[in-house]
């Protein structure tokens, strides 16, 4: 893989690269791109192409440079100019049977004109820094003006392109959230809510995995994390018209995170139990699960003699509902009974029920005692 640098012409940074013989070149790969050969070359499919028409990344994907080679080598070309202090390099066509990747240096939108130069180099061929600013024969004052005149941002804004490129480069969801926040605070986003709608799924993938693919919890935790990051810049999501994160109690988060990673296993257990139920049990199971799935209200009372399978049925229903990403709170009046259900609790601890014990007071008139 070849990493390609991008820098402005007035930059004082050094962008030389090491040759295979460990010698340092006095010119960068971007300089060498501007010095690419004149004329044409033949593509793999026999198409004749001009060197002047290929982009920065295309050039180093198709060709490599060498300062020593034999004149009899096929697919050999020479650079168009010789730079003082740096002899002309040999340009050699790469073996098409061996794939070669090129990666252009990532640039943040907040880096200004450098970001626009990078965008131009990605989308259009250039022969010099000045040529990169030239549109229809006119030299623009900045690379931003040139990029806009070329129509590179006609359909998508810079922030959207930055997010898309970060996703393509396999950035983590946390890095995407950091990028999103930096784009916001640097005023790079014309419509924050639109950018949120497009990319909130990609920014929440880690929270989805942690919560067993629970979309609501992932959505909430993503907003909470963005809110925390914005607080470092003394901003809030409301400043940008973003949604306000709904609050979840610690009990809700505990239930979702505890069972979320077991959803596939719970689904298998529920399906296996459903297949072995009696017709009466299956009817009750389907009735309750359908009500949960359709968000319909249902008040059900299940009764039966000991040994009829009430606990078996309730556990199967709990497994099924939890596999759907919903919350189930199985309770019983006694602690021993609550242990019959995974995640079961006593009714008074779950719903904070206070039990009042009433004693009958009997007055003893003869002794004067109670």
Protein backbone atom coordinates (compact mmCIF):
# COMPACT_ATOMS: atom_id res chain seq x y z
CA UNK A 1 0.00 0.00 0.00
CA UNK A 2 1.18 3.52 -0.80
CA UNK A 3 0.32 6.43 1.51
CA UNK A 4 -0.04 9.68 -0.42
CA UNK A 5 0.68 13.03 1.28
CA UNK A 6 -1.32 16.22 0.76
CA UNK A 7 -0.04 19.69 1.67
CA UNK A 8 -0.33 23.27 0.54
CA UNK A 9 2.43 24.73 -1.67
CA UNK A 10 3.52 27.16 1.06
CA UNK A 11 3.84 24.36 3.62
CA UNK A 12 7.26 24.08 5.28
CA UNK A 13 6.71 20.45 6.26
CA UNK A 14 8.92 17.79 4.71
CA UNK A 15 7.09 15.19 2.65
CA UNK A 16 9.99 13.24 1.14
CA UNK A 17 9.77 9.48 0.93
CA UNK A 18 12.27 6.62 1.17
CA UNK A 19 13.15 4.64 -1.94
CA UNK A 20 13.64 0.90 -1.85
CA UNK A 21 17.40 1.40 -1.56
CA UNK A 22 16.77 3.48 1.61
CA UNK A 23 17.78 6.73 -0.08
CA UNK A 24 15.60 9.74 0.68
CA UNK A 25 13.98 11.52 -2.26
CA UNK A 26 14.12 15.32 -2.30
CA UNK A 27 10.59 15.41 -3.77
CA UNK A 28 7.33 14.11 -2.34
CA UNK A 29 4.97 11.72 -4.08
CA UNK A 30 2.69 14.67 -4.79
CA UNK A 31 5.59 16.43 -6.54
CA UNK A 32 6.24 13.26 -8.52
CA UNK A 33 2.58 13.10 -9.51
CA UNK A 34 2.86 16.59 -11.00
CA UNK A 35 5.93 15.37 -12.95
CA UNK A 36 4.21 12.30 -14.41
CA UNK A 37 5.04 11.41 -18.04
CA UNK A 38 3.50 13.02 -21.09
CA UNK A 39 1.67 11.05 -23.77
CA UNK A 40 -0.43 7.95 -23.41
CA UNK A 41 -0.40 4.44 -21.99
CA UNK A 42 -2.55 1.38 -22.62
CA UNK A 43 -4.87 0.16 -19.89
CA UNK A 44 -5.48 -3.52 -19.05
CA UNK A 45 -8.50 -3.70 -21.35
CA UNK A 46 -6.63 -2.12 -24.25
CA UNK A 47 -7.97 1.39 -23.72
CA UNK A 48 -5.52 4.15 -24.57
CA UNK A 49 -5.37 6.75 -21.81
CA UNK A 50 -3.53 10.04 -21.32
CA UNK A 51 -1.23 10.52 -18.34
CA UNK A 52 -2.61 14.04 -18.00
CA UNK A 53 -6.10 12.65 -17.26
CA UNK A 54 -5.39 10.33 -14.32
CA UNK A 55 -5.87 11.35 -10.71
CA UNK A 56 -3.36 11.30 -7.88
CA UNK A 57 -4.49 7.96 -6.48
CA UNK A 58 -4.88 6.39 -9.92
CA UNK A 59 -1.30 7.27 -10.84
CA UNK A 60 0.29 5.41 -7.93
CA UNK A 61 -2.20 2.56 -8.18
CA UNK A 62 -1.15 1.94 -11.80
CA UNK A 63 2.53 2.92 -11.67
CA UNK A 64 5.56 2.76 -9.42
CA UNK A 65 8.75 4.80 -9.46
CA UNK A 66 12.34 3.64 -9.68
CA UNK A 67 15.64 5.44 -10.10
CA UNK A 68 17.37 2.40 -11.62
CA UNK A 69 16.04 0.03 -14.25
CA UNK A 70 16.87 -1.44 -17.63
CA UNK A 71 15.87 0.35 -20.80
CA UNK A 72 14.49 -2.91 -22.21
CA UNK A 73 11.76 -3.19 -19.55
CA UNK A 74 8.23 -3.09 -20.95
CA UNK A 75 5.75 -0.46 -19.77
CA UNK A 76 8.56 1.94 -18.93
CA UNK A 77 8.12 5.72 -19.08
CA UNK A 78 10.12 8.78 -18.09
CA UNK A 79 8.97 11.79 -16.05
CA UNK A 80 8.34 14.93 -18.07
CA UNK A 81 10.77 17.24 -16.28
CA UNK A 82 14.02 17.10 -14.38
CA UNK A 83 14.15 18.99 -11.10
CA UNK A 84 17.45 20.42 -9.94
CA UNK A 85 18.83 18.24 -7.17
CA UNK A 86 16.47 15.38 -8.00
CA UNK A 87 17.07 13.38 -11.18
CA UNK A 88 14.17 12.19 -13.29
CA UNK A 89 12.61 8.92 -12.13
CA UNK A 90 11.62 5.92 -14.20
CA UNK A 91 7.86 5.29 -14.22
CA UNK A 92 7.00 1.58 -14.40
CA UNK A 93 3.59 0.01 -14.89
CA UNK A 94 2.65 -2.25 -11.98
CA UNK A 95 1.83 -5.91 -12.46
CA UNK A 96 -1.97 -5.94 -12.83
CA UNK A 97 -2.15 -9.46 -11.35
CA UNK A 98 -0.99 -8.09 -7.99
CA UNK A 99 -3.39 -5.55 -6.52
CA UNK A 100 -1.89 -2.38 -5.08
CA UNK A 101 -3.74 -0.02 -2.78
CA UNK A 102 -3.18 3.71 -2.43
CA UNK A 103 -4.48 5.77 0.46
CA UNK A 104 -4.53 9.53 0.35
CA UNK A 105 -3.76 11.32 3.60
CA UNK A 106 -6.93 12.02 5.65
CA UNK A 107 -7.66 15.71 6.19
CA UNK A 108 -10.25 17.21 8.56
CA UNK A 109 -12.68 19.81 7.17
CA UNK A 110 -11.50 22.16 9.91
CA UNK A 111 -8.09 22.29 8.17
CA UNK A 112 -9.54 24.69 5.65
CA UNK A 113 -8.07 24.98 2.15
CA UNK A 114 -6.04 21.81 2.61
CA UNK A 115 -9.28 19.83 2.82
CA UNK A 116 -10.45 21.28 -0.51
CA UNK A 117 -7.11 20.59 -2.21
CA UNK A 118 -7.38 16.96 -1.13
CA UNK A 119 -10.92 16.77 -2.55
CA UNK A 120 -9.73 18.17 -5.90
CA UNK A 121 -6.86 15.68 -6.07
CA UNK A 122 -9.30 12.85 -5.39
CA UNK A 123 -11.66 13.84 -8.17
CA UNK A 124 -9.65 15.60 -10.90
CA UNK A 125 -6.22 15.34 -12.51
CA UNK A 126 -3.79 18.20 -11.92
CA UNK A 127 -0.36 19.13 -13.25
CA UNK A 128 0.58 21.56 -10.48
CA UNK A 129 -0.76 23.32 -7.39
CA UNK A 130 -1.85 26.18 -9.63
CA UNK A 131 -3.52 23.86 -12.10
CA UNK A 132 -5.54 22.41 -9.20
CA UNK A 133 -7.02 25.89 -8.66
CA UNK A 134 -7.76 26.43 -12.36
CA UNK A 135 -11.34 26.05 -13.58
CA UNK A 136 -12.35 26.81 -17.19
CA UNK A 137 -9.10 28.67 -17.74
CA UNK A 138 -9.44 30.89 -14.66
CA UNK A 139 -7.24 30.55 -11.59
CA UNK A 140 -9.33 30.71 -8.43
CA UNK A 141 -8.08 32.45 -5.30
CA UNK A 142 -8.49 29.40 -3.08
CA UNK A 143 -8.92 25.66 -3.43
CA UNK A 144 -12.31 26.03 -1.77
CA UNK A 145 -13.44 28.38 -4.56
CA UNK A 146 -12.06 25.96 -7.14
CA UNK A 147 -13.78 22.94 -5.59
CA UNK A 148 -17.11 24.72 -5.52
CA UNK A 149 -16.69 25.94 -9.12
CA UNK A 150 -15.99 22.35 -10.18
CA UNK A 151 -19.29 21.29 -8.61
CA UNK A 152 -17.63 18.88 -6.20
CA UNK A 153 -19.98 19.96 -3.42
CA UNK A 154 -23.11 20.48 -5.46
CA UNK A 155 -25.02 17.50 -4.01
CA UNK A 156 -23.23 16.86 -0.74
CA UNK A 157 -21.67 19.22 1.75
CA UNK A 158 -18.16 18.86 3.12
CA UNK A 159 -19.37 17.44 6.41
CA UNK A 160 -21.29 14.64 4.72
CA UNK A 161 -18.30 13.76 2.58
CA UNK A 162 -16.08 13.71 5.65
CA UNK A 163 -18.43 11.34 7.49
CA UNK A 164 -18.78 9.06 4.47
CA UNK A 165 -15.02 8.87 4.04
CA UNK A 166 -14.52 8.13 7.73
CA UNK A 167 -16.97 5.22 7.46
CA UNK A 168 -15.20 3.93 4.34
CA UNK A 169 -11.88 4.05 6.21
CA UNK A 170 -13.33 1.79 8.91
CA UNK A 171 -13.35 4.38 11.67
CA UNK A 172 -14.92 3.22 14.94
CA UNK A 173 -18.34 4.55 16.03
CA UNK A 174 -16.66 6.54 18.80
CA UNK A 175 -14.34 8.18 16.26
CA UNK A 176 -17.36 8.99 14.10
CA UNK A 177 -19.05 10.67 17.07
CA UNK A 178 -15.90 12.69 17.75
CA UNK A 179 -15.75 13.74 14.09
CA UNK A 180 -19.44 14.66 14.16
CA UNK A 181 -18.91 16.88 17.20
CA UNK A 182 -15.85 18.58 15.69
CA UNK A 183 -17.80 19.28 12.52
CA UNK A 184 -20.55 20.86 14.62
CA UNK A 185 -18.36 23.08 16.77
CA UNK A 186 -16.32 24.23 13.77
CA UNK A 187 -19.48 25.32 11.91
CA UNK A 188 -18.95 22.84 9.07
CA UNK A 189 -22.50 21.48 9.08
CA UNK A 190 -25.21 23.54 7.33
CA UNK A 191 -27.99 21.20 8.55
CA UNK A 192 -26.99 19.26 11.71
CA UNK A 193 -30.29 17.37 11.97
CA UNK A 194 -29.94 16.14 8.38
CA UNK A 195 -26.42 14.87 9.06
CA UNK A 196 -27.67 13.20 12.25
CA UNK A 197 -30.49 11.47 10.37
CA UNK A 198 -28.04 10.13 7.79
CA UNK A 199 -25.30 8.89 10.11
CA UNK A 200 -26.77 8.23 13.56
CA UNK A 201 -26.96 4.49 12.82
CA UNK A 202 -23.23 4.31 11.99
CA UNK A 203 -22.39 6.33 15.09
CA UNK A 204 -24.34 3.95 17.35
CA UNK A 205 -23.10 0.53 16.20
CA UNK A 206 -21.00 -0.07 19.34
CA UNK A 207 -23.94 0.73 21.61
CA UNK A 208 -26.16 -1.57 19.53
CA UNK A 209 -23.74 -4.45 20.04
CA UNK A 210 -23.53 -3.76 23.78
CA UNK A 211 -27.32 -3.69 24.16
CA UNK A 212 -28.09 -6.75 22.04
CA UNK A 213 -29.10 -4.68 19.01
CA UNK A 214 -31.63 -2.64 20.95
CA UNK A 215 -32.19 0.38 18.70
CA UNK A 216 -33.84 2.57 21.34
CA UNK A 217 -31.08 2.15 23.88
CA UNK A 218 -28.37 2.62 21.24
CA UNK A 219 -30.07 5.79 19.99
CA UNK A 220 -30.30 7.18 23.51
CA UNK A 221 -26.72 6.35 24.50
CA UNK A 222 -25.38 7.86 21.25
CA UNK A 223 -27.15 11.14 21.98
CA UNK A 224 -25.92 11.05 25.58
CA UNK A 225 -22.32 10.55 24.42
CA UNK A 226 -22.57 13.37 21.89
CA UNK A 227 -24.04 15.59 24.61
CA UNK A 228 -21.09 14.79 26.87
CA UNK A 229 -18.60 15.56 24.08
CA UNK A 230 -20.34 18.84 23.26
CA UNK A 231 -20.20 19.88 26.92
CA UNK A 232 -16.40 20.07 26.60
CA UNK A 233 -16.96 22.89 24.09
CA UNK A 234 -19.73 24.46 26.22
CA UNK A 235 -22.42 23.43 23.78
CA UNK A 236 -25.42 21.11 23.88
CA UNK A 237 -27.37 19.16 21.23
CA UNK A 238 -30.15 21.75 21.49
CA UNK A 239 -27.73 24.40 20.16
CA UNK A 240 -27.71 22.54 16.85
CA UNK A 241 -31.33 21.43 16.72
CA UNK A 242 -30.48 17.80 17.55
CA UNK A 243 -32.92 15.53 19.40
CA UNK A 244 -32.89 15.53 23.18
CA UNK A 245 -31.89 12.14 24.51
CA UNK A 246 -34.72 10.37 26.33
CA UNK A 247 -33.74 9.41 29.86
CA UNK A 248 -33.64 5.80 30.98
CA UNK A 249 -33.45 4.76 34.62
CA UNK A 250 -30.60 2.57 35.78
CA UNK A 251 -33.06 -0.31 36.20
CA UNK A 252 -34.08 -0.12 32.54
CA UNK A 253 -30.47 -0.02 31.34
CA UNK A 254 -29.62 -2.94 33.62
CA UNK A 255 -32.40 -5.09 32.16
CA UNK A 256 -31.54 -4.24 28.55
CA UNK A 257 -27.80 -4.74 28.93
CA UNK A 258 -28.20 -7.92 31.02
CA UNK A 259 -30.44 -9.73 28.54
CA UNK A 260 -29.50 -7.97 25.32
CA UNK A 261 -26.46 -10.11 24.54
CA UNK A 262 -28.51 -13.32 25.04
CA UNK A 263 -31.29 -12.47 22.60
CA UNK A 264 -30.44 -15.19 20.08
CA UNK A 265 -30.17 -17.83 22.79
CA UNK A 266 -33.42 -16.66 24.39
CA UNK A 267 -35.19 -16.85 21.03
CA UNK A 268 -34.03 -20.45 20.56
CA UNK A 269 -35.18 -21.42 24.05
CA UNK A 270 -38.57 -19.79 23.53
CA UNK A 271 -39.08 -21.50 20.15
CA UNK A 272 -38.11 -24.87 21.58
CA UNK A 273 -40.51 -24.40 24.49
CA UNK A 274 -43.31 -23.27 22.16
CA UNK A 275 -42.95 -26.45 20.08
CA UNK A 276 -43.43 -28.67 23.14
CA UNK A 277 -46.45 -26.85 24.62
CA UNK A 278 -49.94 -28.12 24.86
CA UNK A 279 -52.54 -26.41 22.67
CA UNK A 280 -53.82 -24.42 25.65
CA UNK A 281 -50.33 -23.26 26.64
CA UNK A 282 -49.50 -22.37 23.02
CA UNK A 283 -52.68 -20.33 22.72
CA UNK A 284 -51.83 -18.30 25.83
CA UNK A 285 -48.20 -17.90 24.66
CA UNK A 286 -49.23 -16.63 21.21
CA UNK A 287 -51.84 -14.28 22.64
CA UNK A 288 -49.39 -12.55 24.98
CA UNK A 289 -46.47 -12.44 22.49
CA UNK A 290 -48.71 -11.00 19.75
CA UNK A 291 -49.90 -8.28 22.12
CA UNK A 292 -46.28 -7.38 22.95
CA UNK A 293 -45.22 -7.39 19.30
CA UNK A 294 -48.11 -5.14 18.26
CA UNK A 295 -47.85 -2.87 21.33
CA UNK A 296 -51.43 -3.73 22.23
CA UNK A 297 -52.75 -3.49 25.77
CA UNK A 298 -53.52 -6.82 27.39
CA UNK A 299 -54.53 -7.86 30.89
CA UNK A 300 -54.19 -11.62 31.25
CA UNK A 301 -54.74 -13.93 34.19
CA UNK A 302 -53.37 -17.47 33.98
CA UNK A 303 -54.50 -19.98 36.56
CA UNK A 304 -54.17 -23.71 36.94
CA UNK A 305 -53.51 -26.48 39.37
CA UNK A 306 -50.02 -27.44 40.49
CA UNK A 307 -48.03 -29.28 37.82
CA UNK A 308 -50.01 -27.89 34.88
CA UNK A 309 -46.94 -25.99 33.50
CA UNK A 310 -47.62 -22.40 34.58
CA UNK A 311 -43.94 -21.73 35.44
CA UNK A 312 -42.80 -23.37 32.20
CA UNK A 313 -45.20 -21.15 30.23
CA UNK A 314 -44.22 -17.93 32.02
CA UNK A 315 -40.50 -18.61 31.52
CA UNK A 316 -41.07 -19.23 27.80
CA UNK A 317 -43.01 -15.96 27.51
CA UNK A 318 -40.25 -14.09 29.36
CA UNK A 319 -37.59 -15.53 27.05
CA UNK A 320 -39.57 -14.62 23.94
CA UNK A 321 -40.31 -11.05 25.05
CA UNK A 322 -36.68 -10.47 26.06
CA UNK A 323 -35.51 -11.81 22.71
CA UNK A 324 -37.59 -9.02 21.12
CA UNK A 325 -35.57 -6.43 23.04
CA UNK A 326 -38.41 -5.71 25.47
CA UNK A 327 -38.28 -5.57 29.25
CA UNK A 328 -39.94 -8.19 31.45
CA UNK A 329 -40.29 -7.96 35.21
CA UNK A 330 -41.40 -11.35 36.57
CA UNK A 331 -42.35 -10.99 40.24
CA UNK A 332 -43.76 -13.10 43.04
CA UNK A 333 -44.96 -12.31 46.53
CA UNK A 334 -42.43 -14.68 48.09
CA UNK A 335 -38.68 -14.71 47.48
CA UNK A 336 -38.66 -18.48 47.02
CA UNK A 337 -41.27 -18.24 44.25
CA UNK A 338 -39.42 -15.37 42.57
CA UNK A 339 -36.36 -17.60 42.14
CA UNK A 340 -38.38 -19.84 39.82
CA UNK A 341 -38.06 -17.20 37.07
CA UNK A 342 -34.73 -15.95 35.58
CA UNK A 343 -34.41 -12.35 36.69
CA UNK A 344 -37.36 -12.76 39.04
CA UNK A 345 -37.82 -10.47 42.02
CA UNK A 346 -40.23 -10.06 44.86
CA UNK A 347 -43.21 -7.84 44.18
CA UNK A 348 -42.59 -5.51 47.09
CA UNK A 349 -38.94 -4.85 46.12
CA UNK A 350 -39.77 -4.30 42.44
CA UNK A 351 -42.74 -1.99 42.88
CA UNK A 352 -41.76 -0.59 46.29
CA UNK A 353 -44.91 -2.01 47.89
CA UNK A 354 -45.20 -1.33 51.61
CA UNK A 355 -46.86 -4.15 53.54
CA UNK A 356 -48.95 -3.02 56.46
CA UNK A 357 -49.54 -5.50 59.22
CA UNK A 358 -52.78 -4.76 61.07
CA UNK A 359 -53.20 -6.12 64.56
CA UNK A 360 -56.49 -6.31 66.39
CA UNK A 361 -56.31 -4.44 69.67
CA UNK A 362 -58.36 -6.05 72.41
CA UNK A 363 -59.06 -4.03 75.56
CA UNK A 364 -59.10 -5.77 78.85
CA UNK A 365 -61.36 -3.77 81.13
CA UNK A 366 -60.58 -5.87 84.17
CA UNK A 367 -56.81 -5.62 84.09
CA UNK A 368 -56.54 -2.33 82.29
CA UNK A 369 -54.07 -3.82 79.80
CA UNK A 370 -54.20 -4.08 76.00
